[in-house]
Amino acid sequence: MVLHEINQAEMGALREQVVHGTPAFPVGWYPHLRSYWQEYYFIPHWHRELELIIVESGQMELVIQGQSFLLHSGMVLLIPPNVLHTAYRLPEKDCCFSCIVFAPEFIAGMAQETIRQELLEPLFVSEFHEDLLITSQVADVLGLSEAVHQLLEALDQKEQAVQQLRVKGLLLLILATLFEQKGGISPNNKLSQKLQQDREKIILGYMADHLAEKITLAELASQLNLSKEQFSRFFRQAFRRSPLQYVTQMRLQKACRLLLQGNLTMSEVAEACGFDNSNYFARVFKQRFGMSPSEFQRK
């Protein structure tokens, strides 16, 4: 399971680079996900698309813009574009969930339409609201459970144009149900939330851009004009580990990707990922994964 877990973790620590769907059908469909990387189902990331998360069984913790939500079977949640989010596995509890990631333009309609101007555009630029989280009981009452079931069936046959039309219609139906129940979504202008999310994006981007270099706590703190103590508190609150622990995690993720590509020597992988030498790299890798880099590469 290690290979699957590592690939799933690479949903991105910064703005996600994955292309979801195709230009003709800009919908990514990721069914029945169960794997995790350490305690993550997916690590902190954001993307320009909306994302619908459907919990099929079990429980997990979802953190969105610093807010923690316990999700369990039957719950449905919509994440607006460009919102930082991550999911954690709960100790000794498994979870199975599906994700539908779709471009705003897939559902946007004509620029002058009332639907787009009054309902969809505010959603496209909003922060996350608890109104976008639907419990299993409410989903049953509103008929969302059946709509979600039909949506998953249509996605299984998405090569057919008529099923793509059904997917669009069902996504709009689910959104309409959310709007009816919650009275629409207004842009959220809480400056403290926006500042927190901007800081998180800045620091994750800096880490990713400098993984091959020596990264110090002082350098990280200076990116946000914070003292080392202030920065350490901010980072632990946001990501539940120290900054340097997180850097090591990102380096190991990058190393796994390079090892799977198979066109670099161990020394070159170590250097590209910011490890001082191949021996140190091998020791850290084995501590984390229980196997050497070469053993991992052969699996």
Protein backbone atom coordinates (compact mmCIF):
# COMPACT_ATOMS: atom_id res chain seq x y z
CA MET A 1 0.00 0.00 0.00
CA VAL A 2 2.96 2.34 0.33
CA LEU A 3 2.98 3.40 -3.32
CA HIS A 4 -0.72 4.26 -3.27
CA GLU A 5 -0.37 6.16 -0.02
CA ILE A 6 2.50 8.25 -1.34
CA ASN A 7 0.75 9.10 -4.60
CA GLN A 8 -2.37 10.17 -2.75
CA ALA A 9 -0.31 12.41 -0.49
CA GLU A 10 0.98 14.26 -3.52
CA MET A 11 -2.26 16.13 -3.98
CA GLY A 12 0.02 19.06 -3.26
CA ALA A 13 1.31 21.07 -0.34
CA LEU A 14 0.78 24.27 -2.29
CA ARG A 15 -1.55 25.16 -5.12
CA GLU A 16 -2.45 21.85 -6.65
CA GLN A 17 -0.96 21.17 -10.08
CA VAL A 18 -3.19 18.21 -10.92
CA VAL A 19 -5.38 18.62 -14.00
CA HIS A 20 -8.89 17.52 -13.07
CA GLY A 21 -10.80 16.04 -15.97
CA THR A 22 -10.31 17.32 -19.51
CA PRO A 23 -11.04 20.61 -21.31
CA ALA A 24 -14.14 18.94 -22.75
CA PHE A 25 -15.29 17.65 -19.35
CA PRO A 26 -13.51 19.53 -16.53
CA VAL A 27 -14.57 17.21 -13.73
CA GLY A 28 -12.19 15.04 -11.71
CA TRP A 29 -13.77 11.93 -10.17
CA TYR A 30 -11.89 10.22 -7.33
CA PRO A 31 -14.06 7.39 -5.96
CA HIS A 32 -13.82 5.36 -2.77
CA LEU A 33 -10.59 6.76 -1.35
CA ARG A 34 -9.20 4.97 1.70
CA SER A 35 -5.39 5.34 1.65
CA TYR A 36 -3.48 7.78 3.79
CA TRP A 37 0.01 9.22 4.19
CA GLN A 38 1.04 9.01 7.84
CA GLU A 39 -2.01 10.65 9.48
CA TYR A 40 -3.16 12.47 6.32
CA TYR A 41 -5.80 11.41 3.83
CA PHE A 42 -4.52 14.41 1.88
CA ILE A 43 -2.04 17.06 2.92
CA PRO A 44 -2.72 20.83 2.87
CA HIS A 45 -3.51 22.09 -0.63
CA TRP A 46 -5.86 24.27 -2.60
CA HIS A 47 -7.05 24.48 -6.21
CA ARG A 48 -9.07 26.74 -8.47
CA GLU A 49 -11.90 24.22 -8.72
CA LEU A 50 -14.79 23.51 -6.37
CA GLU A 51 -14.71 20.18 -4.54
CA LEU A 52 -17.57 18.02 -3.34
CA ILE A 53 -16.60 15.50 -0.66
CA ILE A 54 -18.94 12.60 0.07
CA VAL A 55 -18.23 10.42 3.11
CA GLU A 56 -19.33 6.86 2.37
CA SER A 57 -18.29 5.13 5.59
CA GLY A 58 -16.26 5.74 8.72
CA GLN A 59 -14.99 9.07 10.04
CA MET A 60 -12.25 11.60 9.34
CA GLU A 61 -11.25 15.08 10.43
CA LEU A 62 -11.31 17.79 7.78
CA VAL A 63 -9.52 21.09 8.47
CA ILE A 64 -10.56 24.03 6.31
CA GLN A 65 -8.98 27.46 6.85
CA GLY A 66 -7.99 26.40 10.35
CA GLN A 67 -11.47 25.15 11.29
CA SER A 68 -11.80 21.49 12.24
CA PHE A 69 -14.82 19.39 11.25
CA LEU A 70 -15.58 15.78 12.15
CA LEU A 71 -17.05 14.08 9.08
CA HIS A 72 -18.82 10.75 9.21
CA SER A 73 -20.82 8.46 6.97
CA GLY A 74 -23.48 10.15 4.85
CA MET A 75 -22.15 13.71 5.18
CA VAL A 76 -21.69 15.91 2.12
CA LEU A 77 -19.43 18.95 2.02
CA LEU A 78 -18.71 21.56 -0.65
CA ILE A 79 -15.36 23.42 -0.67
CA PRO A 80 -15.22 26.68 -2.69
CA PRO A 81 -12.29 27.46 -5.02
CA ASN A 82 -8.88 28.52 -3.65
CA VAL A 83 -9.61 27.44 -0.09
CA LEU A 84 -6.81 25.67 1.81
CA HIS A 85 -7.90 22.29 3.20
CA THR A 86 -6.52 19.03 4.53
CA ALA A 87 -7.91 15.76 5.91
CA TYR A 88 -6.63 13.70 8.83
CA ARG A 89 -7.18 10.05 9.67
CA LEU A 90 -8.56 9.60 13.17
CA PRO A 91 -6.65 7.13 15.38
CA GLU A 92 -7.88 3.56 14.83
CA LYS A 93 -10.76 4.75 12.61
CA ASP A 94 -10.90 4.16 8.87
CA CYS A 95 -12.80 6.22 6.35
CA CYS A 96 -13.96 5.78 2.77
CA PHE A 97 -14.87 8.90 0.80
CA SER A 98 -15.23 10.16 -2.75
CA CYS A 99 -14.20 13.52 -4.17
CA ILE A 100 -15.62 15.35 -7.18
CA VAL A 101 -13.46 18.28 -8.28
CA PHE A 102 -15.02 20.51 -10.94
CA ALA A 103 -14.16 23.79 -12.65
CA PRO A 104 -16.38 26.81 -11.91
CA GLU A 105 -16.96 27.34 -15.62
CA PHE A 106 -18.50 23.86 -15.89
CA ILE A 107 -21.56 25.12 -14.02
CA ALA A 108 -21.23 28.90 -14.41
CA GLY A 109 -23.56 29.60 -17.34
CA MET A 110 -23.77 32.92 -19.21
CA ALA A 111 -22.08 35.93 -17.63
CA GLN A 112 -25.31 37.95 -17.46
CA GLU A 113 -27.51 35.20 -16.05
CA THR A 114 -29.19 35.98 -12.74
CA ILE A 115 -28.25 32.50 -11.49
CA ARG A 116 -24.57 33.21 -12.05
CA GLN A 117 -24.57 36.76 -10.71
CA GLU A 118 -26.69 36.20 -7.60
CA LEU A 119 -25.77 32.65 -6.60
CA LEU A 120 -22.72 31.20 -8.29
CA GLU A 121 -20.32 34.16 -8.41
CA PRO A 122 -20.57 34.75 -4.64
CA LEU A 123 -19.81 31.06 -4.12
CA PHE A 124 -16.79 31.19 -6.44
CA VAL A 125 -15.16 33.97 -4.38
CA SER A 126 -16.34 32.96 -0.91
CA GLU A 127 -14.43 31.54 1.99
CA PHE A 128 -15.67 28.30 3.52
CA HIS A 129 -18.96 28.48 5.46
CA GLU A 130 -20.39 25.85 7.77
CA ASP A 131 -23.51 26.21 5.60
CA LEU A 132 -21.66 24.15 2.99
CA LEU A 133 -21.57 21.11 5.29
CA ILE A 134 -24.66 18.88 5.24
CA THR A 135 -25.21 16.16 7.83
CA SER A 136 -26.47 12.74 6.81
CA GLN A 137 -29.85 13.36 8.47
CA VAL A 138 -30.38 16.67 6.65
CA ALA A 139 -29.18 15.14 3.38
CA ASP A 140 -31.85 12.45 3.67
CA VAL A 141 -34.60 14.98 4.44
CA LEU A 142 -33.61 17.25 1.53
CA GLY A 143 -33.28 14.40 -0.95
CA LEU A 144 -29.56 15.08 -1.33
CA SER A 145 -28.65 11.49 -0.58
CA GLU A 146 -30.52 10.29 -3.66
CA ALA A 147 -29.08 13.08 -5.82
CA VAL A 148 -25.55 12.15 -4.68
CA HIS A 149 -26.23 8.48 -5.45
CA GLN A 150 -27.37 9.38 -8.98
CA LEU A 151 -24.35 11.65 -9.41
CA LEU A 152 -21.93 8.84 -8.53
CA GLU A 153 -23.68 6.51 -10.98
CA ALA A 154 -23.46 9.10 -13.76
CA LEU A 155 -19.76 9.66 -13.09
CA ASP A 156 -19.12 5.94 -13.52
CA GLN A 157 -20.39 6.33 -17.11
CA LYS A 158 -19.01 9.79 -17.81
CA GLU A 159 -17.62 8.86 -21.26
CA GLN A 160 -21.16 9.21 -22.61
CA ALA A 161 -22.23 12.78 -23.44
CA VAL A 162 -25.69 12.24 -21.98
CA GLN A 163 -24.13 11.16 -18.67
CA GLN A 164 -21.92 14.27 -18.67
CA LEU A 165 -25.09 16.32 -19.04
CA ARG A 166 -26.58 14.38 -16.13
CA VAL A 167 -23.47 15.12 -14.02
CA LYS A 168 -23.84 18.86 -14.67
CA GLY A 169 -27.55 18.78 -13.89
CA LEU A 170 -27.06 16.86 -10.65
CA LEU A 171 -24.25 19.18 -9.49
CA LEU A 172 -26.55 22.13 -10.08
CA LEU A 173 -29.37 20.34 -8.25
CA ILE A 174 -27.13 19.75 -5.24
CA LEU A 175 -26.06 23.42 -5.25
CA ALA A 176 -29.67 24.57 -5.59
CA THR A 177 -30.60 22.44 -2.58
CA LEU A 178 -27.79 24.00 -0.57
CA PHE A 179 -28.91 27.50 -1.55
CA GLU A 180 -32.55 26.77 -0.72
CA GLN A 181 -31.67 25.34 2.66
CA LYS A 182 -29.13 28.00 3.62
CA GLY A 183 -30.40 31.08 1.84
CA GLY A 184 -27.47 31.53 -0.53
CA ILE A 185 -23.78 32.03 0.06
CA SER A 186 -22.34 35.46 0.66
CA PRO A 187 -18.65 36.30 0.27
CA ASN A 188 -16.93 36.02 3.64
CA ASN A 189 -14.66 38.97 4.32
CA LYS A 190 -13.24 37.98 7.72
CA LEU A 191 -9.81 39.51 7.52
CA SER A 192 -8.34 37.27 10.21
CA GLN A 193 -9.29 34.11 8.29
CA LYS A 194 -7.96 35.51 5.03
CA LEU A 195 -4.68 36.56 6.66
CA GLN A 196 -4.25 33.10 8.18
CA GLN A 197 -4.89 31.35 4.85
CA ASP A 198 -2.61 33.74 2.94
CA ARG A 199 0.19 33.14 5.43
CA GLU A 200 -0.21 29.37 5.13
CA LYS A 201 -0.07 29.52 1.33
CA ILE A 202 2.99 31.79 1.36
CA ILE A 203 4.99 29.58 3.69
CA LEU A 204 4.08 26.30 1.97
CA GLY A 205 5.05 27.82 -1.36
CA TYR A 206 8.38 29.02 0.02
CA MET A 207 9.14 25.59 1.45
CA ALA A 208 8.37 23.86 -1.84
CA ASP A 209 10.51 26.29 -3.84
CA HIS A 210 13.53 25.84 -1.58
CA LEU A 211 13.50 22.15 -0.68
CA ALA A 212 16.90 21.58 -2.31
CA GLU A 213 18.45 24.29 -0.12
CA LYS A 214 19.15 24.57 3.59
CA ILE A 215 16.00 25.96 5.22
CA THR A 216 16.25 27.53 8.67
CA LEU A 217 13.57 28.57 11.11
CA ALA A 218 14.80 32.18 10.88
CA GLU A 219 14.38 32.19 7.08
CA LEU A 220 10.86 30.80 7.33
CA ALA A 221 9.85 33.32 10.00
CA SER A 222 11.21 36.20 7.92
CA GLN A 223 8.84 35.34 5.05
CA LEU A 224 5.94 36.39 7.27
CA ASN A 225 7.76 39.11 9.22
CA LEU A 226 7.39 37.13 12.45
CA SER A 227 9.84 36.27 15.17
CA LYS A 228 10.98 32.64 15.33
CA GLU A 229 8.79 32.09 18.40
CA GLN A 230 5.72 33.68 16.79
CA PHE A 231 6.26 31.72 13.61
CA SER A 232 6.66 28.40 15.42
CA ARG A 233 3.37 28.95 17.29
CA PHE A 234 1.59 29.94 14.06
CA PHE A 235 2.92 26.92 12.17
CA ARG A 236 2.16 24.34 14.87
CA GLN A 237 -1.38 25.66 15.19
CA ALA A 238 -1.89 25.46 11.42
CA PHE A 239 -0.12 22.17 10.61
CA ARG A 240 0.22 20.28 13.93
CA ARG A 241 3.97 19.82 13.73
CA SER A 242 7.12 21.91 13.80
CA PRO A 243 8.19 23.76 10.62
CA LEU A 244 11.35 21.68 10.23
CA GLN A 245 9.42 18.43 10.71
CA TYR A 246 7.10 19.55 7.92
CA VAL A 247 10.05 20.42 5.66
CA THR A 248 11.42 16.92 6.19
CA GLN A 249 8.03 15.47 5.30
CA MET A 250 7.92 17.48 2.06
CA ARG A 251 11.46 16.40 1.20
CA LEU A 252 10.55 12.75 1.67
CA GLN A 253 7.46 13.14 -0.53
CA LYS A 254 9.59 14.66 -3.26
CA ALA A 255 12.17 11.90 -2.82
CA CYS A 256 9.50 9.24 -3.28
CA ARG A 257 8.39 10.85 -6.53
CA LEU A 258 11.96 11.04 -7.84
CA LEU A 259 12.69 7.46 -6.82
CA LEU A 260 9.63 6.25 -8.70
CA GLN A 261 10.78 8.12 -11.81
CA GLY A 262 14.03 6.14 -11.57
CA ASN A 263 16.35 8.40 -13.58
CA LEU A 264 18.52 9.76 -10.74
CA THR A 265 21.14 8.16 -8.50
CA MET A 266 20.58 8.06 -4.73
CA SER A 267 23.08 10.88 -4.28
CA GLU A 268 21.26 13.00 -6.87
CA VAL A 269 17.89 12.34 -5.21
CA ALA A 270 19.33 13.27 -1.81
CA GLU A 271 20.79 16.51 -3.20
CA ALA A 272 17.61 17.46 -5.08
CA CYS A 273 15.59 17.04 -1.89
CA GLY A 274 17.90 19.00 0.40
CA PHE A 275 19.52 16.17 2.37
CA ASP A 276 23.17 16.71 3.28
CA ASN A 277 24.30 13.38 1.87
CA SER A 278 22.96 10.05 0.65
CA ASN A 279 23.72 8.27 3.93
CA TYR A 280 21.68 10.75 5.96
CA PHE A 281 18.91 10.59 3.36
CA ALA A 282 18.79 6.79 3.56
CA ARG A 283 18.68 6.87 7.36
CA VAL A 284 15.79 9.39 7.50
CA PHE A 285 13.92 7.55 4.73
CA LYS A 286 14.17 4.20 6.55
CA GLN A 287 13.07 5.75 9.84
CA ARG A 288 9.95 7.06 8.14
CA PHE A 289 8.99 4.19 5.83
CA GLY A 290 10.64 1.13 7.34
CA MET A 291 12.66 0.43 4.19
CA SER A 292 15.65 1.89 2.39
CA PRO A 293 15.22 4.14 -0.68
CA SER A 294 16.52 1.34 -2.93
CA GLU A 295 14.04 -1.15 -1.43
CA PHE A 296 11.24 1.33 -1.99
CA GLN A 297 12.33 1.84 -5.60
CA ARG A 298 12.18 -1.91 -6.29
CA LYS A 299 8.64 -2.38 -4.90
